[in-house]
Amino acid sequence: LQLSRARNRLTTPATLTLPEIASSGLAKMFTPALPP
């Protein structure tokens, strides 16, 4: 069960809404800042 879950995490990316992507901390990683 644990091995299957591990494999599934690599084979099945998480689904996200666009607001979730927009509010992600990833947007704050870049320099210069990403435009809106």
All heavy atoms as atom14 arrays in JSON, in Angstrom:
{
  "sequence": "LQLSRARNRLTTPATLTLPEIASSGLAKMFTPALPP",
  "atom14_mask": [
    [1, 1, 1, 1, 1, 1, 1, 1, 0, 0, 0, 0, 0, 0],
    [1, 1, 1, 1, 1, 1, 1, 1, 1, 0, 0, 0, 0, 0],
    [1, 1, 1, 1, 1, 1, 1, 1, 0, 0, 0, 0, 0, 0],
    [1, 1, 1, 1, 1, 1, 0, 0, 0, 0, 0, 0, 0, 0],
    [1, 1, 1, 1, 1, 1, 1, 1, 1, 1, 1, 0, 0, 0],
    [1, 1, 1, 1, 1, 0, 0, 0, 0, 0, 0, 0, 0, 0],
    [1, 1, 1, 1, 1, 1, 1, 1, 1, 1, 1, 0, 0, 0],
    [1, 1, 1, 1, 1, 1, 1, 1, 0, 0, 0, 0, 0, 0],
    [1, 1, 1, 1, 1, 1, 1, 1, 1, 1, 1, 0, 0, 0],
    [1, 1, 1, 1, 1, 1, 1, 1, 0, 0, 0, 0, 0, 0],
    [1, 1, 1, 1, 1, 1, 1, 0, 0, 0, 0, 0, 0, 0],
    [1, 1, 1, 1, 1, 1, 1, 0, 0, 0, 0, 0, 0, 0],
    [1, 1, 1, 1, 1, 1, 1, 0, 0, 0, 0, 0, 0, 0],
    [1, 1, 1, 1, 1, 0, 0, 0, 0, 0, 0, 0, 0, 0],
    [1, 1, 1, 1, 1, 1, 1, 0, 0, 0, 0, 0, 0, 0],
    [1, 1, 1, 1, 1, 1, 1, 1, 0, 0, 0, 0, 0, 0],
    [1, 1, 1, 1, 1, 1, 1, 0, 0, 0, 0, 0, 0, 0],
    [1, 1, 1, 1, 1, 1, 1, 1, 0, 0, 0, 0, 0, 0],
    [1, 1, 1, 1, 1, 1, 1, 0, 0, 0, 0, 0, 0, 0],
    [1, 1, 1, 1, 1, 1, 1, 1, 1, 0, 0, 0, 0, 0],
    [1, 1, 1, 1, 1, 1, 1, 1, 0, 0, 0, 0, 0, 0],
    [1, 1, 1, 1, 1, 0, 0, 0, 0, 0, 0, 0, 0, 0],
    [1, 1, 1, 1, 1, 1, 0, 0, 0, 0, 0, 0, 0, 0],
    [1, 1, 1, 1, 1, 1, 0, 0, 0, 0, 0, 0, 0, 0],
    [1, 1, 1, 1, 0, 0, 0, 0, 0, 0, 0, 0, 0, 0],
    [1, 1, 1, 1, 1, 1, 1, 1, 0, 0, 0, 0, 0, 0],
    [1, 1, 1, 1, 1, 0, 0, 0, 0, 0, 0, 0, 0, 0],
    [1, 1, 1, 1, 1, 1, 1, 1, 1, 0, 0, 0, 0, 0],
    [1, 1, 1, 1, 1, 1, 1, 1, 0, 0, 0, 0, 0, 0],
    [1, 1, 1, 1, 1, 1, 1, 1, 1, 1, 1, 0, 0, 0],
    [1, 1, 1, 1, 1, 1, 1, 0, 0, 0, 0, 0, 0, 0],
    [1, 1, 1, 1, 1, 1, 1, 0, 0, 0, 0, 0, 0, 0],
    [1, 1, 1, 1, 1, 0, 0, 0, 0, 0, 0, 0, 0, 0],
    [1, 1, 1, 1, 1, 1, 1, 1, 0, 0, 0, 0, 0, 0],
    [1, 1, 1, 1, 1, 1, 1, 0, 0, 0, 0, 0, 0, 0],
    [1, 1, 1, 1, 1, 1, 1, 0, 0, 0, 0, 0, 0, 0]
  ],
  "atom14_positions": [
    [[0.84, -1.21, 0.0], [0.0, 0.0, 0.0], [0.87, 1.25, 0.0], [0.62, 2.19, -0.77], [-0.92, -0.01, 1.22], [-1.8, 1.22, 1.41], [-2.77, 1.38, 0.23], [-2.57, 1.15, 2.73], [0.0, 0.0, 0.0], [0.0, 0.0, 0.0], [0.0, 0.0, 0.0], [0.0, 0.0, 0.0], [0.0, 0.0, 0.0], [0.0, 0.0, 0.0]],
    [[1.92, 1.26, 0.83], [2.8, 2.42, 0.87], [3.59, 2.59, -0.42], [3.76, 3.7, -0.92], [3.76, 2.3, 2.07], [3.09, 2.34, 3.43], [2.32, 3.62, 3.66], [2.71, 4.7, 3.22], [1.19, 3.5, 4.35], [0.0, 0.0, 0.0], [0.0, 0.0, 0.0], [0.0, 0.0, 0.0], [0.0, 0.0, 0.0], [0.0, 0.0, 0.0]],
    [[4.06, 1.48, -1.0], [4.8, 1.55, -2.26], [3.9, 2.03, -3.4], [4.34, 2.81, -4.26], [5.4, 0.19, -2.6], [6.51, -0.32, -1.67], [6.93, -1.73, -2.06], [7.72, 0.62, -1.69], [0.0, 0.0, 0.0], [0.0, 0.0, 0.0], [0.0, 0.0, 0.0], [0.0, 0.0, 0.0], [0.0, 0.0, 0.0], [0.0, 0.0, 0.0]],
    [[2.65, 1.57, -3.4], [1.71, 2.0, -4.45], [1.42, 3.49, -4.32], [1.34, 4.22, -5.32], [0.41, 1.19, -4.35], [0.64, -0.17, -4.64], [0.0, 0.0, 0.0], [0.0, 0.0, 0.0], [0.0, 0.0, 0.0], [0.0, 0.0, 0.0], [0.0, 0.0, 0.0], [0.0, 0.0, 0.0], [0.0, 0.0, 0.0], [0.0, 0.0, 0.0]],
    [[1.24, 3.95, -3.09], [0.99, 5.38, -2.87], [2.19, 6.21, -3.3], [2.03, 7.3, -3.88], [0.66, 5.63, -1.4], [-0.73, 5.14, -0.99], [-0.97, 5.32, 0.5], [-2.35, 5.0, 0.86], [-2.82, 4.95, 2.11], [-1.99, 5.2, 3.12], [-4.09, 4.66, 2.34], [0.0, 0.0, 0.0], [0.0, 0.0, 0.0], [0.0, 0.0, 0.0]],
    [[3.39, 5.71, -3.03], [4.59, 6.43, -3.44], [4.66, 6.55, -4.95], [4.93, 7.62, -5.51], [5.83, 5.72, -2.89], [0.0, 0.0, 0.0], [0.0, 0.0, 0.0], [0.0, 0.0, 0.0], [0.0, 0.0, 0.0], [0.0, 0.0, 0.0], [0.0, 0.0, 0.0], [0.0, 0.0, 0.0], [0.0, 0.0, 0.0], [0.0, 0.0, 0.0]],
    [[4.42, 5.44, -5.64], [4.46, 5.45, -7.09], [3.37, 6.36, -7.66], [3.61, 7.13, -8.61], [4.31, 4.03, -7.64], [4.41, 3.95, -9.16], [4.35, 2.52, -9.65], [3.07, 1.88, -9.33], [2.76, 0.63, -9.64], [3.63, -0.13, -10.26], [1.59, 0.12, -9.31], [0.0, 0.0, 0.0], [0.0, 0.0, 0.0], [0.0, 0.0, 0.0]],
    [[2.19, 6.3, -7.07], [1.08, 7.12, -7.56], [1.34, 8.61, -7.42], [0.85, 9.41, -8.22], [-0.22, 6.75, -6.84], [-0.74, 5.38, -7.23], [-0.34, 4.83, -8.26], [-1.61, 4.81, -6.42], [0.0, 0.0, 0.0], [0.0, 0.0, 0.0], [0.0, 0.0, 0.0], [0.0, 0.0, 0.0], [0.0, 0.0, 0.0], [0.0, 0.0, 0.0]],
    [[2.1, 9.0, -6.4], [2.4, 10.42, -6.25], [3.26, 10.94, -7.4], [3.2, 12.11, -7.75], [3.11, 10.68, -4.92], [2.22, 10.58, -3.72], [1.06, 11.58, -3.78], [1.5, 12.95, -3.56], [1.24, 13.96, -4.37], [0.58, 13.78, -5.51], [1.63, 15.19, -4.07], [0.0, 0.0, 0.0], [0.0, 0.0, 0.0], [0.0, 0.0, 0.0]],
    [[4.07, 10.06, -7.99], [4.9, 10.47, -9.12], [4.17, 10.36, -10.44], [4.48, 11.09, -11.39], [6.18, 9.62, -9.17], [7.09, 9.68, -7.95], [8.31, 8.8, -8.15], [7.51, 11.12, -7.64], [0.0, 0.0, 0.0], [0.0, 0.0, 0.0], [0.0, 0.0, 0.0], [0.0, 0.0, 0.0], [0.0, 0.0, 0.0], [0.0, 0.0, 0.0]],
    [[3.2, 9.45, -10.53], [2.51, 9.21, -11.8], [1.24, 10.04, -11.93], [0.71, 10.17, -13.03], [2.16, 7.73, -11.96], [1.31, 7.31, -10.89], [3.42, 6.87, -11.95], [0.0, 0.0, 0.0], [0.0, 0.0, 0.0], [0.0, 0.0, 0.0], [0.0, 0.0, 0.0], [0.0, 0.0, 0.0], [0.0, 0.0, 0.0], [0.0, 0.0, 0.0]],
    [[0.75, 10.59, -10.82], [-0.52, 11.32, -10.85], [-0.34, 12.69, -10.23], [-0.44, 12.84, -9.0], [-1.62, 10.55, -10.1], [-1.67, 9.2, -10.56], [-2.98, 11.21, -10.3], [0.0, 0.0, 0.0], [0.0, 0.0, 0.0], [0.0, 0.0, 0.0], [0.0, 0.0, 0.0], [0.0, 0.0, 0.0], [0.0, 0.0, 0.0], [0.0, 0.0, 0.0]],
    [[-0.06, 13.73, -11.03], [0.09, 15.08, -10.47], [-1.2, 15.55, -9.82], [-2.3, 15.13, -10.19], [0.43, 15.93, -11.7], [0.92, 14.95, -12.73], [0.18, 13.68, -12.47], [0.0, 0.0, 0.0], [0.0, 0.0, 0.0], [0.0, 0.0, 0.0], [0.0, 0.0, 0.0], [0.0, 0.0, 0.0], [0.0, 0.0, 0.0], [0.0, 0.0, 0.0]],
    [[-1.06, 16.43, -8.85], [-2.22, 16.98, -8.17], [-2.99, 17.91, -9.1], [-2.41, 18.6, -9.94], [-1.79, 17.75, -6.92], [0.0, 0.0, 0.0], [0.0, 0.0, 0.0], [0.0, 0.0, 0.0], [0.0, 0.0, 0.0], [0.0, 0.0, 0.0], [0.0, 0.0, 0.0], [0.0, 0.0, 0.0], [0.0, 0.0, 0.0], [0.0, 0.0, 0.0]],
    [[-4.31, 17.91, -8.98], [-5.13, 18.86, -9.71], [-5.25, 20.13, -8.88], [-5.44, 20.08, -7.66], [-6.53, 18.28, -9.99], [-7.17, 17.95, -8.75], [-6.43, 17.03, -10.85], [0.0, 0.0, 0.0], [0.0, 0.0, 0.0], [0.0, 0.0, 0.0], [0.0, 0.0, 0.0], [0.0, 0.0, 0.0], [0.0, 0.0, 0.0], [0.0, 0.0, 0.0]],
    [[-5.12, 21.28, -9.54], [-5.17, 22.57, -8.87], [-6.1, 23.5, -9.62], [-6.24, 23.4, -10.84], [-3.78, 23.2, -8.8], [-2.71, 22.48, -7.99], [-1.36, 23.15, -8.21], [-3.06, 22.48, -6.52], [0.0, 0.0, 0.0], [0.0, 0.0, 0.0], [0.0, 0.0, 0.0], [0.0, 0.0, 0.0], [0.0, 0.0, 0.0], [0.0, 0.0, 0.0]],
    [[-6.74, 24.41, -8.9], [-7.48, 25.48, -9.54], [-6.51, 26.6, -9.9], [-5.41, 26.69, -9.34], [-8.59, 26.04, -8.62], [-7.96, 26.65, -7.47], [-9.52, 24.92, -8.16], [0.0, 0.0, 0.0], [0.0, 0.0, 0.0], [0.0, 0.0, 0.0], [0.0, 0.0, 0.0], [0.0, 0.0, 0.0], [0.0, 0.0, 0.0], [0.0, 0.0, 0.0]],
    [[-6.92, 27.44, -10.83], [-6.07, 28.57, -11.19], [-5.85, 29.54, -10.02], [-4.73, 30.05, -9.85], [-6.66, 29.29, -12.4], [-6.5, 28.49, -13.72], [-7.44, 29.02, -14.79], [-5.05, 28.54, -14.21], [0.0, 0.0, 0.0], [0.0, 0.0, 0.0], [0.0, 0.0, 0.0], [0.0, 0.0, 0.0], [0.0, 0.0, 0.0], [0.0, 0.0, 0.0]],
    [[-6.86, 29.82, -9.17], [-6.59, 30.65, -8.0], [-5.56, 30.0, -7.05], [-4.77, 30.71, -6.43], [-7.96, 30.77, -7.33], [-8.94, 30.63, -8.44], [-8.32, 29.62, -9.35], [0.0, 0.0, 0.0], [0.0, 0.0, 0.0], [0.0, 0.0, 0.0], [0.0, 0.0, 0.0], [0.0, 0.0, 0.0], [0.0, 0.0, 0.0], [0.0, 0.0, 0.0]],
    [[-5.57, 28.68, -6.95], [-4.58, 28.02, -6.1], [-3.17, 28.2, -6.67], [-2.21, 28.41, -5.92], [-4.91, 26.52, -5.97], [-6.1, 26.24, -5.07], [-6.52, 24.79, -5.09], [-6.24, 24.09, -6.09], [-7.15, 24.35, -4.11], [0.0, 0.0, 0.0], [0.0, 0.0, 0.0], [0.0, 0.0, 0.0], [0.0, 0.0, 0.0], [0.0, 0.0, 0.0]],
    [[-3.05, 28.13, -7.98], [-1.74, 28.38, -8.61], [-1.33, 29.83, -8.41], [-0.17, 30.13, -8.1], [-1.79, 28.03, -10.1], [-2.07, 26.52, -10.3], [-0.49, 28.41, -10.8], [-2.27, 26.11, -11.73], [0.0, 0.0, 0.0], [0.0, 0.0, 0.0], [0.0, 0.0, 0.0], [0.0, 0.0, 0.0], [0.0, 0.0, 0.0], [0.0, 0.0, 0.0]],
    [[-2.29, 30.75, -8.56], [-1.99, 32.18, -8.42], [-1.56, 32.54, -7.0], [-0.72, 33.43, -6.81], [-3.21, 33.01, -8.83], [0.0, 0.0, 0.0], [0.0, 0.0, 0.0], [0.0, 0.0, 0.0], [0.0, 0.0, 0.0], [0.0, 0.0, 0.0], [0.0, 0.0, 0.0], [0.0, 0.0, 0.0], [0.0, 0.0, 0.0], [0.0, 0.0, 0.0]],
    [[-2.12, 31.85, -6.01], [-1.81, 32.17, -4.61], [-0.64, 31.35, -4.07], [-0.25, 31.52, -2.92], [-3.04, 31.94, -3.74], [-3.47, 30.59, -3.8], [0.0, 0.0, 0.0], [0.0, 0.0, 0.0], [0.0, 0.0, 0.0], [0.0, 0.0, 0.0], [0.0, 0.0, 0.0], [0.0, 0.0, 0.0], [0.0, 0.0, 0.0], [0.0, 0.0, 0.0]],
    [[-0.09, 30.47, -4.9], [1.02, 29.64, -4.48], [2.26, 30.49, -4.18], [2.49, 31.53, -4.8], [1.35, 28.61, -5.56], [2.6, 28.01, -5.34], [0.0, 0.0, 0.0], [0.0, 0.0, 0.0], [0.0, 0.0, 0.0], [0.0, 0.0, 0.0], [0.0, 0.0, 0.0], [0.0, 0.0, 0.0], [0.0, 0.0, 0.0], [0.0, 0.0, 0.0]],
    [[3.06, 30.01, -3.25], [4.3, 30.71, -2.94], [5.29, 30.69, -4.07], [6.28, 31.43, -4.06], [0.0, 0.0, 0.0], [0.0, 0.0, 0.0], [0.0, 0.0, 0.0], [0.0, 0.0, 0.0], [0.0, 0.0, 0.0], [0.0, 0.0, 0.0], [0.0, 0.0, 0.0], [0.0, 0.0, 0.0], [0.0, 0.0, 0.0], [0.0, 0.0, 0.0]],
    [[5.03, 29.86, -5.1], [5.93, 29.79, -6.24], [6.06, 31.14, -6.93], [7.12, 31.48, -7.46], [5.42, 28.73, -7.23], [6.26, 28.47, -8.48], [7.66, 28.03, -8.1], [5.59, 27.4, -9.35], [0.0, 0.0, 0.0], [0.0, 0.0, 0.0], [0.0, 0.0, 0.0], [0.0, 0.0, 0.0], [0.0, 0.0, 0.0], [0.0, 0.0, 0.0]],
    [[4.97, 31.92, -6.93], [4.99, 33.22, -7.6], [6.0, 34.17, -6.95], [6.46, 35.13, -7.59], [3.6, 33.84, -7.57], [0.0, 0.0, 0.0], [0.0, 0.0, 0.0], [0.0, 0.0, 0.0], [0.0, 0.0, 0.0], [0.0, 0.0, 0.0], [0.0, 0.0, 0.0], [0.0, 0.0, 0.0], [0.0, 0.0, 0.0], [0.0, 0.0, 0.0]],
    [[6.35, 33.91, -5.69], [7.26, 34.79, -4.97], [8.72, 34.32, -5.06], [9.59, 34.89, -4.42], [6.84, 34.87, -3.5], [5.43, 35.4, -3.32], [5.01, 35.36, -1.86], [3.58, 35.85, -1.7], [3.11, 35.76, -0.29], [0.0, 0.0, 0.0], [0.0, 0.0, 0.0], [0.0, 0.0, 0.0], [0.0, 0.0, 0.0], [0.0, 0.0, 0.0]],
    [[8.95, 33.3, -5.84], [10.29, 32.73, -5.94], [11.18, 33.47, -6.92], [12.4, 33.32, -6.91], [10.19, 31.26, -6.4], [9.51, 30.33, -5.42], [10.58, 29.92, -4.05], [11.86, 29.01, -4.88], [0.0, 0.0, 0.0], [0.0, 0.0, 0.0], [0.0, 0.0, 0.0], [0.0, 0.0, 0.0], [0.0, 0.0, 0.0], [0.0, 0.0, 0.0]],
    [[10.58, 34.27, -7.8], [11.32, 34.78, -8.96], [11.78, 36.22, -8.79], [11.18, 37.02, -8.08], [10.44, 34.7, -10.21], [10.14, 33.3, -10.66], [8.99, 32.65, -10.23], [11.02, 32.61, -11.49], [8.71, 31.35, -10.63], [10.75, 31.32, -11.89], [9.59, 30.69, -11.47], [0.0, 0.0, 0.0], [0.0, 0.0, 0.0], [0.0, 0.0, 0.0]],
    [[12.88, 36.5, -9.45], [13.36, 37.86, -9.59], [13.74, 38.09, -11.05], [14.48, 37.27, -11.62], [14.55, 38.15, -8.66], [14.98, 39.5, -8.87], [15.71, 37.22, -8.9], [0.0, 0.0, 0.0], [0.0, 0.0, 0.0], [0.0, 0.0, 0.0], [0.0, 0.0, 0.0], [0.0, 0.0, 0.0], [0.0, 0.0, 0.0], [0.0, 0.0, 0.0]],
    [[13.23, 39.12, -11.71], [12.23, 40.04, -11.18], [10.9, 39.32, -10.91], [10.7, 38.19, -11.37], [12.08, 41.08, -12.3], [12.45, 40.33, -13.54], [13.54, 39.38, -13.14], [0.0, 0.0, 0.0], [0.0, 0.0, 0.0], [0.0, 0.0, 0.0], [0.0, 0.0, 0.0], [0.0, 0.0, 0.0], [0.0, 0.0, 0.0], [0.0, 0.0, 0.0]],
    [[10.02, 39.98, -10.19], [8.73, 39.38, -9.85], [7.92, 39.1, -11.11], [8.02, 39.83, -12.11], [7.95, 40.31, -8.93], [0.0, 0.0, 0.0], [0.0, 0.0, 0.0], [0.0, 0.0, 0.0], [0.0, 0.0, 0.0], [0.0, 0.0, 0.0], [0.0, 0.0, 0.0], [0.0, 0.0, 0.0], [0.0, 0.0, 0.0], [0.0, 0.0, 0.0]],
    [[7.14, 38.02, -11.08], [6.29, 37.71, -12.23], [5.23, 38.79, -12.39], [4.64, 39.25, -11.41], [5.6, 36.36, -12.01], [6.48, 35.11, -11.97], [5.62, 33.89, -11.66], [7.22, 34.92, -13.28], [0.0, 0.0, 0.0], [0.0, 0.0, 0.0], [0.0, 0.0, 0.0], [0.0, 0.0, 0.0], [0.0, 0.0, 0.0], [0.0, 0.0, 0.0]],
    [[4.95, 39.2, -13.63], [3.87, 40.16, -13.85], [2.52, 39.52, -13.51], [2.39, 38.29, -13.51], [3.98, 40.5, -15.34], [4.72, 39.35, -15.94], [5.64, 38.84, -14.89], [0.0, 0.0, 0.0], [0.0, 0.0, 0.0], [0.0, 0.0, 0.0], [0.0, 0.0, 0.0], [0.0, 0.0, 0.0], [0.0, 0.0, 0.0], [0.0, 0.0, 0.0]],
    [[1.51, 40.31, -13.24], [0.22, 39.75, -12.82], [-0.49, 38.93, -13.89], [-1.42, 38.18, -13.57], [-0.61, 40.99, -12.45], [0.07, 42.12, -13.16], [1.51, 41.78, -13.22], [0.0, 0.0, 0.0], [0.0, 0.0, 0.0], [0.0, 0.0, 0.0], [0.0, 0.0, 0.0], [0.0, 0.0, 0.0], [0.0, 0.0, 0.0], [0.0, 0.0, 0.0]]
  ]
}
